[in-house]
Protein backbone atom coordinates (compact mmCIF):
# COMPACT_ATOMS: atom_id res chain seq x y z
CA MET A 1 25.33 -0.52 14.87
CA PHE A 2 22.84 -1.78 12.80
CA VAL A 3 20.37 0.29 10.80
CA LEU A 4 17.38 -0.40 8.33
CA GLY A 5 14.79 1.39 6.25
CA ASP A 6 15.59 5.06 5.71
CA THR A 7 18.61 4.99 7.97
CA THR A 8 20.48 3.42 5.47
CA THR A 9 22.83 4.46 2.75
CA LEU A 10 21.78 0.88 0.74
CA PRO A 11 21.16 1.76 -3.40
CA THR A 12 17.60 0.38 -3.34
CA SER A 13 14.07 1.79 -3.41
CA LYS A 14 12.66 3.57 0.17
CA ALA A 15 9.62 0.90 -0.84
CA GLY A 16 8.20 -0.77 2.94
CA SER A 17 8.83 -3.96 0.98
CA VAL A 18 12.40 -3.49 0.95
CA ALA A 19 12.75 -2.55 4.42
CA HIS A 20 11.01 -6.29 4.39
CA PHE A 21 13.42 -8.18 2.88
CA ALA A 22 16.48 -6.39 3.83
CA GLY A 23 15.44 -7.17 7.85
CA GLU A 24 15.39 -10.83 7.55
CA ILE A 25 19.41 -10.35 6.66
CA LEU A 26 19.86 -7.77 9.50
CA VAL A 27 18.17 -10.39 11.75
CA GLU A 28 20.44 -13.02 9.95
CA ASN A 29 23.53 -11.04 11.01
CA PHE A 30 22.83 -9.13 13.69
CA MET A 31 22.76 -13.22 15.27
CA ARG A 32 26.00 -13.66 13.42
CA GLU A 33 27.10 -10.98 15.42
CA ILE A 34 26.39 -12.22 18.58
CA ASN A 35 27.85 -14.92 18.20
CA GLY A 36 31.38 -14.01 16.83
CA GLU A 37 30.45 -15.14 12.96
CA PRO A 38 31.23 -13.52 10.04
CA LEU A 39 28.61 -11.54 8.64
CA ARG A 40 27.29 -12.13 5.27
CA GLU A 41 26.43 -9.65 2.35
CA ASP A 42 23.64 -10.90 0.85
CA PHE A 43 21.01 -8.68 0.41
CA ASP A 44 20.96 -8.41 -3.04
CA GLY A 45 18.11 -4.69 -2.94
CA HIS A 46 14.93 -7.32 -3.89
CA ALA A 47 11.77 -4.85 -3.96
CA ASN A 48 8.45 -5.57 -4.89
CA CYS A 49 5.47 -3.25 -4.94
CA PHE A 50 2.08 -2.70 -6.12
CA ILE A 51 0.95 0.69 -7.26
CA GLU A 52 -2.26 1.66 -8.24
CA THR A 53 -3.49 3.00 -11.52
CA GLY A 54 -6.59 3.63 -10.80
CA PHE A 55 -10.19 2.55 -11.79
CA ASP A 56 -9.30 0.36 -9.49
CA LYS A 57 -6.73 -1.38 -11.47
CA ALA A 58 -2.54 -1.82 -10.37
CA ALA A 59 0.43 -2.37 -11.30
CA LEU A 60 2.94 -5.11 -9.56
CA ILE A 61 7.06 -4.48 -9.94
CA ASP A 62 9.67 -6.78 -8.35
CA PHE A 63 13.23 -5.73 -9.22
CA ASN A 64 16.72 -5.89 -7.55
CA TYR A 65 20.38 -4.58 -8.20
CA ASP A 66 20.84 -6.81 -11.03
CA TYR A 67 16.93 -6.41 -11.98
CA GLU A 68 15.29 -4.20 -13.46
CA PRO A 69 11.77 -5.22 -13.43
CA LEU A 70 10.71 -8.03 -15.96
CA PRO A 71 7.35 -9.04 -16.99
CA GLY A 72 5.94 -12.11 -16.04
CA LYS A 73 3.45 -13.74 -13.09
CA PHE A 74 3.85 -13.74 -9.52
CA PRO A 75 3.70 -15.33 -6.80
CA LEU A 76 3.83 -18.54 -8.13
CA PRO A 77 5.76 -18.84 -11.78
CA GLY A 78 4.01 -18.91 -14.79
CA LEU A 79 0.31 -18.87 -12.21
CA GLY A 80 0.18 -16.07 -10.92
CA PRO A 81 -2.48 -15.26 -9.79
CA PHE A 82 -0.53 -11.56 -10.21
CA SER A 83 0.56 -10.29 -13.48
CA LEU A 84 3.84 -8.72 -13.07
CA LEU A 85 4.61 -4.60 -14.89
CA GLY A 86 1.10 -5.77 -15.40
CA GLU A 87 -1.98 -3.47 -15.19
CA SER A 88 -5.34 -5.61 -14.05
CA LYS A 89 -7.94 -5.31 -11.41
CA ALA A 90 -5.90 -8.79 -9.66
CA ASN A 91 -3.11 -6.70 -9.09
CA HIS A 92 -5.53 -4.27 -7.89
CA TRP A 93 -7.39 -6.49 -5.63
CA GLY A 94 -3.66 -8.31 -4.79
CA LYS A 95 -2.46 -4.48 -3.04
CA MET A 96 -6.14 -4.70 -1.02
CA MET A 97 -5.03 -8.35 0.02
CA PHE A 98 -1.54 -7.33 1.16
CA LYS A 99 -2.53 -4.11 3.36
CA TRP A 100 -4.65 -6.51 5.05
CA VAL A 101 -1.98 -9.54 5.78
CA TYR A 102 0.49 -5.63 6.35
CA TRP A 103 -1.23 -4.40 9.43
CA ASN A 104 -2.84 -7.69 10.90
CA LYS A 105 0.08 -10.34 10.10
CA LEU A 106 3.32 -8.57 9.04
CA VAL A 107 3.06 -5.59 12.12
CA SER A 108 2.53 -8.34 14.92
CA GLY A 109 5.55 -9.91 13.74
CA GLU A 110 4.06 -12.98 11.79
CA GLU A 111 6.36 -13.94 8.90
CA LEU A 112 5.80 -13.68 5.27
CA PRO A 113 6.39 -16.24 2.81
CA LEU A 114 8.08 -14.53 0.26
CA GLU A 115 11.95 -14.79 0.53
CA ALA A 116 14.06 -12.12 0.73
CA GLN A 117 16.25 -12.39 -2.12
CA MET A 118 14.89 -12.13 -5.73
CA SER A 119 13.98 -15.17 -7.63
CA LEU A 120 13.88 -15.14 -11.52
CA ALA A 121 11.14 -17.75 -11.46
CA GLY A 122 8.21 -16.72 -13.01
CA LYS A 123 9.82 -14.08 -14.72
CA VAL A 124 10.67 -13.33 -18.73
CA GLN A 125 13.97 -12.06 -19.55
CA ASP A 126 15.16 -10.91 -22.63
């Protein structure tokens, strides 16, 4: 049986981004099962989400099983335009843009050009 989202027992956030990233691995493993190939345990618990903080500002977090949210820039390392762990108007507008992308692209099955695995590129580690 394959499950996704809130029905799993994975120790992850129940955010929609987790279901999206886990879904990519689930589809790959489902096809491996059909083809009699061994399943891969590739999902790293990746979660990525905007958090509205008020007054047209938001924060953005990106984390997985191994890394708590780190500061940095997303999605282009060093450039952004979104700040990780930083509250900004750009992050608020990013959330508004993503809302449109979600309802107009992802729900219809189009791909999101982000890898399922979390990248450390652009993130500042201690």
